[in-house]
Amino acid sequence: NPFYPTPDPFPYTPSTTNAAFLSGANLFALQPGYHNIPSVQEFSFGVQQQYSPRWSSQITYVGNLSRHMPITIDEDAPVYASSCTSATCNSTAQKNARRPYNTPANPNYTYATISEVVPYSNASYSSLQATLTRTFDQHLAVSAAYVWSKAMQMGAVVDNYNILSSRGTADVDMPNRFVVSYIVVTPDVHHFGVLGKEALSGWQVNGITTLRSGQPFNILSGVDSNFDGTTTDRP
């Protein structure tokens, strides 16, 4: 009996009128009536133009939206009080006393974290993408691309009563990115005999050059500023 010395609790029949949970336990639940299906919409629109047999360009809008992505919040997070100090609000008992589902009517029973999965996370990406291409002839090929973009997402929730405060630029956001690739082939040398033909002709230089903006980073204070039990607060 793995439950010894307590009795085997299974099969367990929950009571709908007097539900019993372990005092101080962390609970996990889906939002009641959770019916929002996560979705991703992708779209683009572009125009192309060819200027000559070798030169062409393209400019395109590319974007996507994601909606109703699941995130987890603490439904029973301690309520912030402006009078809180480390001495009055920082202990486990002091945090539990500020949880909305703990009432003075039942002082011998306390709820801790109630983790609830909710479809509140949205993200978006928008970009303007431009390319200029020169196809290869005997000596030169160039392809240049520039992307101007913005990516937004919901980050880790640090304030369960103001979820939108955790929305900002995505970790992968890169506002500007320029890439050019090139191939240059030296012309044939018709002098110096075999040396010019075999050793000095047909040299190739190629490469890829990338210039881009830096990516954003999240600054955490390491201090539980609102005394809700998490130290991932932001300054």
Protein backbone atom coordinates (compact mmCIF):
# COMPACT_ATOMS: atom_id res chain seq x y z
CA ASN A 1 0.00 0.00 0.00
CA PRO A 2 1.93 3.08 -1.21
CA PHE A 3 -0.37 5.32 0.87
CA TYR A 4 0.39 3.61 4.19
CA PRO A 5 -0.27 4.60 6.93
CA THR A 6 -3.11 6.66 5.40
CA PRO A 7 -5.99 4.83 3.67
CA ASP A 8 -6.03 4.35 -0.09
CA PRO A 9 -7.94 7.44 -1.41
CA PHE A 10 -8.96 5.79 -4.70
CA PRO A 11 -11.42 5.54 -6.30
CA TYR A 12 -11.99 9.19 -5.49
CA THR A 13 -15.46 10.68 -5.86
CA PRO A 14 -15.38 14.49 -5.70
CA SER A 15 -18.12 16.37 -3.93
CA THR A 16 -19.72 19.13 -5.99
CA THR A 17 -21.00 20.92 -2.87
CA ASN A 18 -18.04 20.52 -0.52
CA ALA A 19 -14.93 20.09 -2.62
CA ALA A 20 -11.89 19.19 -0.55
CA PHE A 21 -8.31 20.03 -1.45
CA LEU A 22 -5.10 19.79 0.46
CA SER A 23 -4.62 22.94 2.50
CA GLY A 24 -1.88 25.08 0.94
CA ALA A 25 -1.73 22.91 -2.19
CA ASN A 26 -1.03 24.29 -5.66
CA LEU A 27 -3.97 23.64 -8.00
CA PHE A 28 -4.03 23.46 -11.78
CA ALA A 29 -7.10 24.01 -13.96
CA LEU A 30 -8.39 25.01 -17.37
CA GLN A 31 -10.47 28.17 -17.60
CA PRO A 32 -14.16 27.26 -17.21
CA GLY A 33 -15.79 27.20 -20.62
CA TYR A 34 -12.41 27.13 -22.38
CA HIS A 35 -13.46 26.92 -26.02
CA ASN A 36 -11.18 29.33 -27.89
CA ILE A 37 -9.18 27.38 -30.45
CA PRO A 38 -5.67 28.74 -31.08
CA SER A 39 -5.22 29.99 -34.64
CA VAL A 40 -2.46 31.36 -36.85
CA GLN A 41 -3.17 33.52 -39.88
CA GLU A 42 -0.44 34.15 -42.45
CA PHE A 43 -0.65 36.59 -45.34
CA SER A 44 1.52 38.34 -47.89
CA PHE A 45 1.18 40.67 -50.85
CA GLY A 46 3.96 41.57 -53.23
CA VAL A 47 4.80 43.15 -56.57
CA GLN A 48 7.66 42.29 -58.89
CA GLN A 49 9.33 44.24 -61.67
CA GLN A 50 11.94 43.21 -64.21
CA TYR A 51 13.99 46.07 -65.64
CA SER A 52 16.16 44.17 -68.10
CA PRO A 53 17.02 40.55 -68.85
CA ARG A 54 19.33 40.62 -65.82
CA TRP A 55 17.89 43.09 -63.28
CA SER A 56 14.70 42.54 -61.26
CA SER A 57 13.22 43.65 -57.95
CA GLN A 58 10.43 42.67 -55.58
CA ILE A 59 8.73 44.36 -52.66
CA THR A 60 6.41 42.39 -50.38
CA TYR A 61 4.39 42.78 -47.21
CA VAL A 62 4.59 39.62 -45.09
CA GLY A 63 2.71 39.21 -41.83
CA ASN A 64 1.07 36.78 -39.46
CA LEU A 65 -1.21 36.83 -36.45
CA SER A 66 -1.64 34.22 -33.73
CA ARG A 67 -4.70 34.34 -31.50
CA HIS A 68 -5.93 32.57 -28.35
CA MET A 69 -2.63 30.92 -27.56
CA PRO A 70 -2.66 29.32 -24.08
CA ILE A 71 -0.73 30.84 -21.21
CA THR A 72 -0.81 30.07 -17.49
CA ILE A 73 -1.75 32.64 -14.87
CA ASP A 74 -2.21 32.45 -11.12
CA GLU A 75 -5.95 32.84 -10.59
CA ASP A 76 -5.32 33.21 -6.85
CA ALA A 77 -2.33 35.55 -6.96
CA PRO A 78 -1.79 37.65 -3.83
CA VAL A 79 -3.35 41.09 -4.22
CA TYR A 80 -0.81 43.90 -4.10
CA ALA A 81 -1.08 46.44 -1.31
CA SER A 82 0.88 49.69 -1.43
CA SER A 83 1.53 49.40 2.31
CA CYS A 84 3.37 46.09 1.89
CA THR A 85 6.93 45.74 3.13
CA SER A 86 9.26 42.76 3.37
CA ALA A 87 8.34 42.49 7.03
CA THR A 88 4.56 42.52 6.54
CA CYS A 89 3.97 40.77 3.19
CA ASN A 90 6.90 38.52 2.30
CA SER A 91 6.29 35.30 4.24
CA THR A 92 4.22 32.43 2.83
CA ALA A 93 1.47 33.02 5.40
CA GLN A 94 1.41 36.75 4.60
CA LYS A 95 1.16 36.04 0.86
CA ASN A 96 -1.64 33.52 1.37
CA ALA A 97 -3.55 36.02 3.49
CA ARG A 98 -3.73 38.34 0.45
CA ARG A 99 -5.01 35.65 -1.93
CA PRO A 100 -8.64 36.40 -2.96
CA TYR A 101 -9.88 32.83 -2.37
CA ASN A 102 -8.69 32.78 1.23
CA THR A 103 -11.24 34.35 3.54
CA PRO A 104 -11.37 34.95 7.28
CA ALA A 105 -14.46 32.70 7.37
CA ASN A 106 -12.21 29.66 7.01
CA PRO A 107 -8.94 30.54 8.76
CA ASN A 108 -7.84 26.91 9.08
CA TYR A 109 -7.81 26.33 5.33
CA THR A 110 -5.70 28.13 2.74
CA TYR A 111 -5.32 27.95 -1.02
CA ALA A 112 -1.95 28.54 -2.59
CA THR A 113 -1.32 29.06 -6.30
CA ILE A 114 -4.23 28.20 -8.60
CA SER A 115 -2.59 27.87 -12.01
CA GLU A 116 -5.18 28.41 -14.73
CA VAL A 117 -4.63 27.91 -18.44
CA VAL A 118 -6.31 30.72 -20.35
CA PRO A 119 -6.42 31.58 -24.10
CA TYR A 120 -5.14 35.13 -23.65
CA SER A 121 -1.83 35.15 -25.52
CA ASN A 122 -1.69 36.91 -28.90
CA ALA A 123 1.28 37.58 -31.15
CA SER A 124 1.88 39.41 -34.41
CA TYR A 125 4.54 39.92 -37.06
CA SER A 126 4.61 42.54 -39.81
CA SER A 127 7.38 43.14 -42.31
CA LEU A 128 8.26 45.00 -45.47
CA GLN A 129 10.64 42.88 -47.56
CA ALA A 130 12.51 44.17 -50.58
CA THR A 131 14.93 42.36 -52.91
CA LEU A 132 17.08 43.45 -55.84
CA THR A 133 18.66 40.78 -58.04
CA ARG A 134 21.14 40.76 -60.89
CA THR A 135 21.33 37.34 -62.48
CA PHE A 136 24.68 35.85 -63.37
CA ASP A 137 26.44 36.59 -66.62
CA GLN A 138 30.08 35.87 -67.31
CA HIS A 139 31.40 38.06 -64.51
CA LEU A 140 28.86 39.24 -61.93
CA ALA A 141 25.79 38.20 -59.92
CA VAL A 142 24.30 40.16 -57.01
CA SER A 143 21.30 39.57 -54.77
CA ALA A 144 20.40 42.11 -52.09
CA ALA A 145 17.54 41.89 -49.58
CA TYR A 146 16.27 44.27 -46.90
CA VAL A 147 13.64 43.49 -44.25
CA TRP A 148 11.99 46.06 -41.99
CA SER A 149 9.85 44.27 -39.41
CA LYS A 150 8.17 44.20 -36.01
CA ALA A 151 7.35 41.12 -33.92
CA MET A 152 5.15 41.33 -30.81
CA GLN A 153 4.24 38.64 -28.32
CA MET A 154 3.08 37.92 -24.78
CA GLY A 155 6.01 37.18 -22.50
CA ALA A 156 6.09 35.55 -19.10
CA VAL A 157 3.32 36.99 -16.95
CA VAL A 158 4.70 38.93 -13.98
CA ASP A 159 1.47 40.67 -12.93
CA ASN A 160 -1.55 38.36 -12.93
CA TYR A 161 -3.92 41.33 -12.57
CA ASN A 162 -2.48 43.19 -15.55
CA ILE A 163 -1.59 40.58 -18.16
CA LEU A 164 -1.12 43.17 -20.93
CA SER A 165 1.88 44.57 -19.04
CA SER A 166 3.72 41.44 -20.22
CA ARG A 167 3.12 42.15 -23.90
CA GLY A 168 6.02 43.62 -25.83
CA THR A 169 8.57 43.01 -28.56
CA ALA A 170 9.26 39.34 -29.17
CA ASP A 171 12.59 37.70 -28.38
CA VAL A 172 13.09 37.17 -32.13
CA ASP A 173 12.28 40.77 -33.07
CA MET A 174 14.88 42.18 -35.47
CA PRO A 175 13.72 45.56 -36.84
CA ASN A 176 16.28 45.87 -39.64
CA ARG A 177 18.11 43.20 -41.62
CA PHE A 178 20.14 43.68 -44.80
CA VAL A 179 21.78 40.79 -46.66
CA VAL A 180 23.72 40.92 -49.90
CA SER A 181 25.33 37.99 -51.70
CA TYR A 182 27.65 38.37 -54.64
CA ILE A 183 29.78 36.46 -57.11
CA VAL A 184 32.52 38.14 -59.16
CA VAL A 185 34.52 36.22 -61.75
CA THR A 186 37.68 37.73 -63.21
CA PRO A 187 37.85 37.87 -66.99
CA ASP A 188 40.04 35.56 -69.00
CA VAL A 189 43.63 36.71 -69.47
CA HIS A 190 44.77 36.37 -73.06
CA HIS A 191 48.39 37.24 -72.39
CA PHE A 192 51.33 35.45 -70.79
CA GLY A 193 50.58 32.18 -72.55
CA VAL A 194 49.68 29.17 -70.40
CA LEU A 195 50.31 31.18 -67.22
CA GLY A 196 47.68 33.76 -68.16
CA LYS A 197 45.18 31.20 -69.42
CA GLU A 198 45.45 28.64 -66.63
CA ALA A 199 46.67 30.55 -63.58
CA LEU A 200 45.38 34.09 -63.98
CA SER A 201 41.96 33.49 -65.59
CA GLY A 202 38.64 32.50 -64.04
CA TRP A 203 39.26 33.52 -60.43
CA GLN A 204 36.07 33.84 -58.42
CA VAL A 205 35.29 36.01 -55.41
CA ASN A 206 32.00 35.42 -53.58
CA GLY A 207 30.51 36.13 -50.22
CA ILE A 208 27.50 36.97 -48.08
CA THR A 209 27.38 40.16 -46.03
CA THR A 210 24.76 40.65 -43.32
CA LEU A 211 23.94 43.83 -41.40
CA ARG A 212 21.15 43.68 -38.81
CA SER A 213 19.73 45.31 -35.73
CA GLY A 214 20.27 43.80 -32.32
CA GLN A 215 17.56 41.69 -30.71
CA PRO A 216 15.68 42.84 -27.59
CA PHE A 217 16.40 41.45 -24.16
CA ASN A 218 14.32 41.28 -21.02
CA ILE A 219 15.55 43.02 -17.88
CA LEU A 220 14.52 41.36 -14.63
CA SER A 221 15.00 42.94 -11.23
CA GLY A 222 15.43 39.70 -9.27
CA VAL A 223 13.24 41.31 -6.59
CA ASP A 224 9.66 40.36 -5.71
CA SER A 225 8.44 43.96 -5.95
CA ASN A 226 4.72 43.21 -5.58
CA PHE A 227 5.16 40.41 -2.99
CA ASP A 228 3.31 37.75 -4.98
CA GLY A 229 5.92 35.02 -4.66
CA THR A 230 7.78 35.46 -7.95
CA THR A 231 11.16 37.14 -8.36
CA THR A 232 10.90 37.61 -12.14
CA ASP A 233 9.52 41.13 -11.74
CA ARG A 234 10.77 43.86 -14.05
CA PRO A 235 12.31 47.11 -12.80
